[in-house]
């Protein structure tokens, strides 16, 4: 037997008939809720997230957040609640190949409780799950709600592109203009246009500037700003989501963007340095010369 409290964990010594404190160093400071599945994995809801402890006692962190309850449902799903969201983790996929596949239900999916109650979940003899919320009790069958289609996110629209220098005002780049900017004008702002009539407060974007960074950045902001970009070639890639980031729209790309090298590092500048400067040192005073470099 395992018990968990806000002050730590303990296990029951059957021979001595006493509880023994668990001295294992954990990645969390308190247990809120826990349940054991039929494979022997102990699922633990904590103030630092949801954890799965294997048969060897090793913890795997599944998700961040204060988990108010966790429940194994017929070895099909691990049901857990965080704030005002209900989550169902595919338990069979987890045991098959350690895949973490979670479906989230919130206000727009029918789970409209103000907040999940602490240890506020139970399963009746008919298989219904009862969840206590801050303002109501919600009853459902997991098999049924999992058939609810996911909200389909529409791809965002790149509405406008602005360019600026370090201390200058934003300048709108005219449509169909080449996106080639001087090295000193290396500040960019890209404005997105997108509406979600079904779940407006869940609309979120993720983006990356290919050629500059490889990782996705998530944002609710419709203006994406990149400051002091280095010389090079870039292209914005952006997607949108309206279902708690469970699925994303197709990617939308900006036209190719070029930030020029400083003049002395450009081809004409290098030619000038290689051909012009050595000759200048050997010229008589007052000598004039011209160097013509093709554009």
Protein backbone atom coordinates (compact mmCIF):
# COMPACT_ATOMS: atom_id res chain seq x y z
CA UNK A 1 0.00 0.00 0.00
CA UNK A 2 1.18 3.51 -0.83
CA UNK A 3 -0.11 6.70 0.72
CA UNK A 4 0.62 10.26 -0.27
CA UNK A 5 0.14 13.56 1.48
CA UNK A 6 1.18 17.18 1.05
CA UNK A 7 4.16 16.35 3.28
CA UNK A 8 5.43 13.30 1.41
CA UNK A 9 4.83 9.62 0.74
CA UNK A 10 4.92 6.36 2.69
CA UNK A 11 4.44 2.65 2.09
CA UNK A 12 2.98 -0.03 4.33
CA UNK A 13 5.35 -2.70 5.70
CA UNK A 14 3.10 -5.76 5.92
CA UNK A 15 5.48 -7.73 8.14
CA UNK A 16 5.93 -4.98 10.74
CA UNK A 17 2.43 -3.60 10.23
CA UNK A 18 3.72 -0.02 10.13
CA UNK A 19 3.96 2.75 7.56
CA UNK A 20 7.48 3.61 6.43
CA UNK A 21 8.33 7.02 5.02
CA UNK A 22 9.53 7.11 1.42
CA UNK A 23 12.97 8.73 1.43
CA UNK A 24 13.41 8.65 -2.35
CA UNK A 25 14.20 12.08 -3.76
CA UNK A 26 11.29 13.03 -6.02
CA UNK A 27 10.75 15.80 -8.56
CA UNK A 28 7.69 17.01 -6.66
CA UNK A 29 7.06 18.09 -3.09
CA UNK A 30 3.55 16.75 -2.42
CA UNK A 31 0.98 14.27 -3.67
CA UNK A 32 -2.57 15.37 -4.39
CA UNK A 33 -3.99 12.18 -5.94
CA UNK A 34 -2.83 8.81 -7.25
CA UNK A 35 -4.09 5.59 -8.80
CA UNK A 36 -2.57 2.27 -9.85
CA UNK A 37 -3.24 0.75 -13.29
CA UNK A 38 -3.35 -3.00 -13.98
CA UNK A 39 0.22 -2.98 -15.38
CA UNK A 40 1.56 -1.80 -12.04
CA UNK A 41 2.28 1.80 -13.07
CA UNK A 42 1.46 4.24 -10.28
CA UNK A 43 -0.03 7.47 -11.63
CA UNK A 44 0.54 10.44 -9.35
CA UNK A 45 -1.07 13.85 -9.49
CA UNK A 46 1.14 16.43 -7.82
CA UNK A 47 1.54 20.18 -7.57
CA UNK A 48 4.37 19.90 -10.12
CA UNK A 49 2.53 17.80 -12.70
CA UNK A 50 1.41 14.29 -13.58
CA UNK A 51 3.96 11.52 -13.00
CA UNK A 52 4.02 7.80 -13.88
CA UNK A 53 6.09 5.61 -11.54
CA UNK A 54 7.18 2.29 -13.05
CA UNK A 55 7.73 -1.04 -11.25
CA UNK A 56 11.34 -0.08 -10.51
CA UNK A 57 10.25 3.09 -8.72
CA UNK A 58 11.35 5.47 -11.46
CA UNK A 59 9.20 8.54 -12.11
CA UNK A 60 8.39 9.83 -15.58
CA UNK A 61 6.93 13.30 -15.81
CA UNK A 62 4.00 13.42 -18.22
CA UNK A 63 2.77 17.01 -18.00
CA UNK A 64 3.19 20.19 -15.94
CA UNK A 65 0.55 21.81 -13.77
CA UNK A 66 -1.28 21.20 -10.49
CA UNK A 67 -3.14 17.91 -10.98
CA UNK A 68 -6.28 17.89 -8.84
CA UNK A 69 -7.23 14.27 -9.49
CA UNK A 70 -6.06 11.21 -11.41
CA UNK A 71 -8.07 8.04 -12.15
CA UNK A 72 -7.52 4.86 -14.16
CA UNK A 73 -10.57 4.12 -16.30
CA UNK A 74 -10.85 0.42 -17.24
CA UNK A 75 -7.16 0.42 -18.22
CA UNK A 76 -8.18 2.43 -21.28
CA UNK A 77 -7.57 5.99 -20.11
CA UNK A 78 -5.89 7.87 -17.32
CA UNK A 79 -8.30 10.68 -16.49
CA UNK A 80 -6.84 13.73 -14.77
CA UNK A 81 -7.90 17.31 -14.14
CA UNK A 82 -5.84 20.51 -14.26
CA UNK A 83 -7.54 23.83 -13.51
CA UNK A 84 -10.71 23.92 -15.64
CA UNK A 85 -9.62 21.26 -18.15
CA UNK A 86 -10.30 17.52 -18.26
CA UNK A 87 -7.65 15.28 -19.84
CA UNK A 88 -7.83 11.67 -21.05
CA UNK A 89 -4.53 9.90 -21.68
CA UNK A 90 -4.55 6.85 -23.96
CA UNK A 91 -3.30 4.21 -21.53
CA UNK A 92 -3.00 1.36 -24.02
CA UNK A 93 -0.76 3.46 -26.30
CA UNK A 94 1.34 4.40 -23.27
CA UNK A 95 1.90 0.75 -22.31
CA UNK A 96 2.46 -0.31 -25.92
CA UNK A 97 5.30 2.05 -26.82
CA UNK A 98 5.42 4.81 -24.15
CA UNK A 99 3.43 7.17 -26.39
CA UNK A 100 1.79 10.07 -24.55
CA UNK A 101 -1.45 10.75 -26.42
CA UNK A 102 -3.77 13.10 -24.53
CA UNK A 103 -7.21 14.45 -25.45
CA UNK A 104 -8.22 17.64 -23.63
CA UNK A 105 -11.77 18.84 -22.95
CA UNK A 106 -12.59 22.38 -21.92
CA UNK A 107 -15.45 24.86 -22.03
CA UNK A 108 -16.05 24.58 -25.77
CA UNK A 109 -16.01 20.76 -25.60
CA UNK A 110 -18.72 20.48 -22.94
CA UNK A 111 -16.54 20.44 -19.80
CA UNK A 112 -17.66 23.80 -18.44
CA UNK A 113 -16.82 23.46 -14.74
CA UNK A 114 -15.08 26.42 -13.13
CA UNK A 115 -12.36 24.20 -11.69
CA UNK A 116 -11.64 20.51 -11.12
CA UNK A 117 -12.14 19.55 -7.48
CA UNK A 118 -9.34 17.99 -5.45
CA UNK A 119 -9.69 14.18 -5.67
CA UNK A 120 -13.11 14.94 -7.13
CA UNK A 121 -13.55 11.97 -9.45
CA UNK A 122 -15.36 8.65 -9.16
CA UNK A 123 -16.58 5.83 -11.43
CA UNK A 124 -19.98 4.22 -10.85
CA UNK A 125 -20.98 0.61 -11.57
CA UNK A 126 -22.37 1.58 -15.00
CA UNK A 127 -19.00 2.97 -16.09
CA UNK A 128 -19.96 6.64 -15.85
CA UNK A 129 -17.27 9.03 -14.62
CA UNK A 130 -18.39 11.66 -12.13
CA UNK A 131 -16.24 14.78 -11.79
CA UNK A 132 -16.78 17.38 -9.08
CA UNK A 133 -16.18 20.91 -10.32
CA UNK A 134 -16.09 24.19 -8.48
CA UNK A 135 -19.71 24.92 -9.43
CA UNK A 136 -21.23 21.65 -10.66
CA UNK A 137 -20.90 17.88 -11.01
CA UNK A 138 -20.34 16.51 -14.52
CA UNK A 139 -21.12 12.93 -15.55
CA UNK A 140 -19.87 11.34 -18.78
CA UNK A 141 -18.82 8.14 -20.51
CA UNK A 142 -15.22 8.38 -21.78
CA UNK A 143 -15.97 6.17 -24.79
CA UNK A 144 -18.65 8.61 -25.91
CA UNK A 145 -16.85 11.90 -25.42
CA UNK A 146 -13.77 10.54 -27.22
CA UNK A 147 -15.96 10.26 -30.34
CA UNK A 148 -16.49 14.04 -30.30
CA UNK A 149 -14.70 15.44 -33.37
CA UNK A 150 -11.79 17.78 -32.74
CA UNK A 151 -12.14 21.41 -33.74
CA UNK A 152 -10.48 21.91 -37.10
CA UNK A 153 -8.07 24.87 -37.08
CA UNK A 154 -7.99 27.12 -40.11
CA UNK A 155 -4.61 28.22 -41.39
CA UNK A 156 -3.62 31.78 -40.40
CA UNK A 157 -3.24 34.58 -42.94
CA UNK A 158 -0.14 36.76 -43.18
CA UNK A 159 -1.77 40.19 -43.37
CA UNK A 160 1.18 42.61 -43.41
CA UNK A 161 4.96 42.85 -43.13
CA UNK A 162 6.76 45.82 -41.55
CA UNK A 163 10.45 46.74 -41.58
CA UNK A 164 12.49 49.11 -39.40
CA UNK A 165 15.95 50.03 -38.19
CA UNK A 166 17.00 50.04 -34.55
CA UNK A 167 15.63 53.49 -33.68
CA UNK A 168 13.20 54.08 -36.55
CA UNK A 169 9.44 53.71 -36.96
CA UNK A 170 7.86 50.66 -38.58
CA UNK A 171 7.49 50.98 -42.34
CA UNK A 172 4.87 48.93 -44.17
CA UNK A 173 6.35 46.78 -46.92
CA UNK A 174 4.21 47.20 -50.01
CA UNK A 175 2.58 44.12 -51.45
CA UNK A 176 4.68 42.31 -54.07
CA UNK A 177 7.78 44.29 -53.04
CA UNK A 178 10.99 42.24 -52.79
CA UNK A 179 11.76 41.45 -49.16
CA UNK A 180 15.42 42.47 -49.35
CA UNK A 181 16.57 44.84 -46.61
CA UNK A 182 19.75 46.70 -45.74
CA UNK A 183 21.81 45.36 -42.88
CA UNK A 184 20.85 48.37 -40.77
CA UNK A 185 17.13 47.73 -41.37
CA UNK A 186 17.10 44.34 -39.70
CA UNK A 187 13.96 44.63 -37.56
CA UNK A 188 10.86 42.82 -38.88
CA UNK A 189 7.21 42.68 -37.79
CA UNK A 190 4.79 40.22 -39.38
CA UNK A 191 1.08 40.64 -38.60
CA UNK A 192 -1.30 37.67 -38.65
CA UNK A 193 -5.01 37.67 -39.38
CA UNK A 194 -7.16 34.84 -38.06
CA UNK A 195 -10.58 34.46 -36.45
CA UNK A 196 -12.12 31.55 -34.56
CA UNK A 197 -15.91 31.84 -34.13
CA UNK A 198 -16.04 28.52 -32.25
CA UNK A 199 -13.28 29.05 -29.66
CA UNK A 200 -11.90 32.59 -29.83
CA UNK A 201 -10.07 32.50 -26.50
CA UNK A 202 -8.30 29.26 -27.44
CA UNK A 203 -6.84 30.61 -30.67
CA UNK A 204 -3.05 30.33 -30.51
CA UNK A 205 -0.22 30.48 -33.02
CA UNK A 206 3.13 28.79 -33.22
CA UNK A 207 5.90 29.98 -35.50
CA UNK A 208 9.56 29.74 -36.40
CA UNK A 209 11.78 31.80 -38.67
CA UNK A 210 13.45 29.19 -40.83
CA UNK A 211 17.10 30.03 -41.34
CA UNK A 212 17.21 31.73 -37.93
CA UNK A 213 15.77 29.26 -35.41
CA UNK A 214 14.57 25.64 -35.53
CA UNK A 215 12.29 25.54 -32.48
CA UNK A 216 8.60 26.49 -32.47
CA UNK A 217 7.52 29.50 -30.42
CA UNK A 218 3.91 29.60 -29.18
CA UNK A 219 2.09 32.92 -28.88
CA UNK A 220 -1.39 34.47 -28.66
CA UNK A 221 0.01 37.67 -30.14
CA UNK A 222 -0.93 38.46 -33.73
CA UNK A 223 2.22 40.56 -34.28
CA UNK A 224 5.45 38.58 -34.53
CA UNK A 225 8.54 40.75 -34.03
CA UNK A 226 12.14 39.83 -34.82
CA UNK A 227 14.83 42.25 -33.68
CA UNK A 228 18.40 42.76 -34.90
CA UNK A 229 18.38 39.87 -37.36
CA UNK A 230 21.76 38.79 -38.73
CA UNK A 231 22.55 38.87 -42.43
CA UNK A 232 21.07 35.92 -44.26
CA UNK A 233 17.98 34.43 -45.89
CA UNK A 234 14.88 33.60 -43.82
CA UNK A 235 11.29 32.49 -44.20
CA UNK A 236 8.54 32.62 -41.58
CA UNK A 237 6.48 29.46 -40.97
CA UNK A 238 3.33 29.78 -38.85
CA UNK A 239 0.41 27.54 -37.79
CA UNK A 240 -2.71 27.98 -35.64
CA UNK A 241 -4.67 25.89 -33.13
CA UNK A 242 -8.06 26.20 -31.42
CA UNK A 243 -8.15 23.00 -29.33
CA UNK A 244 -5.59 23.50 -26.57
CA UNK A 245 -2.76 22.84 -29.03
CA UNK A 246 -3.81 19.25 -29.67
CA UNK A 247 -3.69 19.70 -33.42
CA UNK A 248 -2.29 22.42 -35.66
CA UNK A 249 -3.30 23.82 -39.01
CA UNK A 250 -1.25 23.50 -42.15
CA UNK A 251 1.79 25.76 -42.30
CA UNK A 252 1.64 29.20 -43.89
CA UNK A 253 4.91 30.64 -45.21
CA UNK A 254 6.03 34.19 -45.81
CA UNK A 255 7.88 35.09 -49.01
CA UNK A 256 11.68 34.66 -48.73
CA UNK A 257 13.28 37.42 -46.64
CA UNK A 258 16.85 38.62 -47.14
CA UNK A 259 18.93 40.77 -44.78
CA UNK A 260 21.97 42.03 -46.65
CA UNK A 261 25.50 41.81 -45.29
CA UNK A 262 27.23 45.04 -44.18
CA UNK A 263 28.90 46.72 -47.17
CA UNK A 264 32.45 45.77 -46.15
CA UNK A 265 31.38 42.11 -45.89
CA UNK A 266 29.52 42.13 -49.20
CA UNK A 267 31.17 41.11 -52.46
CA UNK A 268 31.68 44.72 -53.66
CA UNK A 269 33.06 45.67 -50.25
CA UNK A 270 35.48 42.75 -50.22
CA UNK A 271 36.62 43.57 -53.75
CA UNK A 272 37.16 47.18 -52.73
CA UNK A 273 39.24 46.10 -49.76
CA UNK A 274 41.30 43.59 -51.78
CA UNK A 275 41.88 45.76 -54.84
CA UNK A 276 41.43 49.32 -53.72
CA UNK A 277 43.12 49.62 -50.37
CA UNK A 278 46.56 48.16 -51.34
CA UNK A 279 46.69 50.45 -54.38
CA UNK A 280 45.79 53.51 -52.35
CA UNK A 281 48.90 53.18 -50.18
CA UNK A 282 51.21 53.44 -53.19
CA UNK A 283 49.51 56.35 -55.00
CA UNK A 284 51.01 59.87 -55.06
CA UNK A 285 49.20 62.51 -53.04
CA UNK A 286 46.25 64.02 -54.86
CA UNK A 287 45.79 61.08 -57.24
CA UNK A 288 42.17 60.37 -58.11
CA UNK A 289 40.82 57.00 -59.19
CA UNK A 290 37.52 55.32 -59.88
CA UNK A 291 36.51 51.71 -59.26
CA UNK A 292 33.51 50.45 -61.15
CA UNK A 293 31.85 47.33 -59.72
CA UNK A 294 28.88 45.77 -61.46
CA UNK A 295 25.71 45.83 -59.37
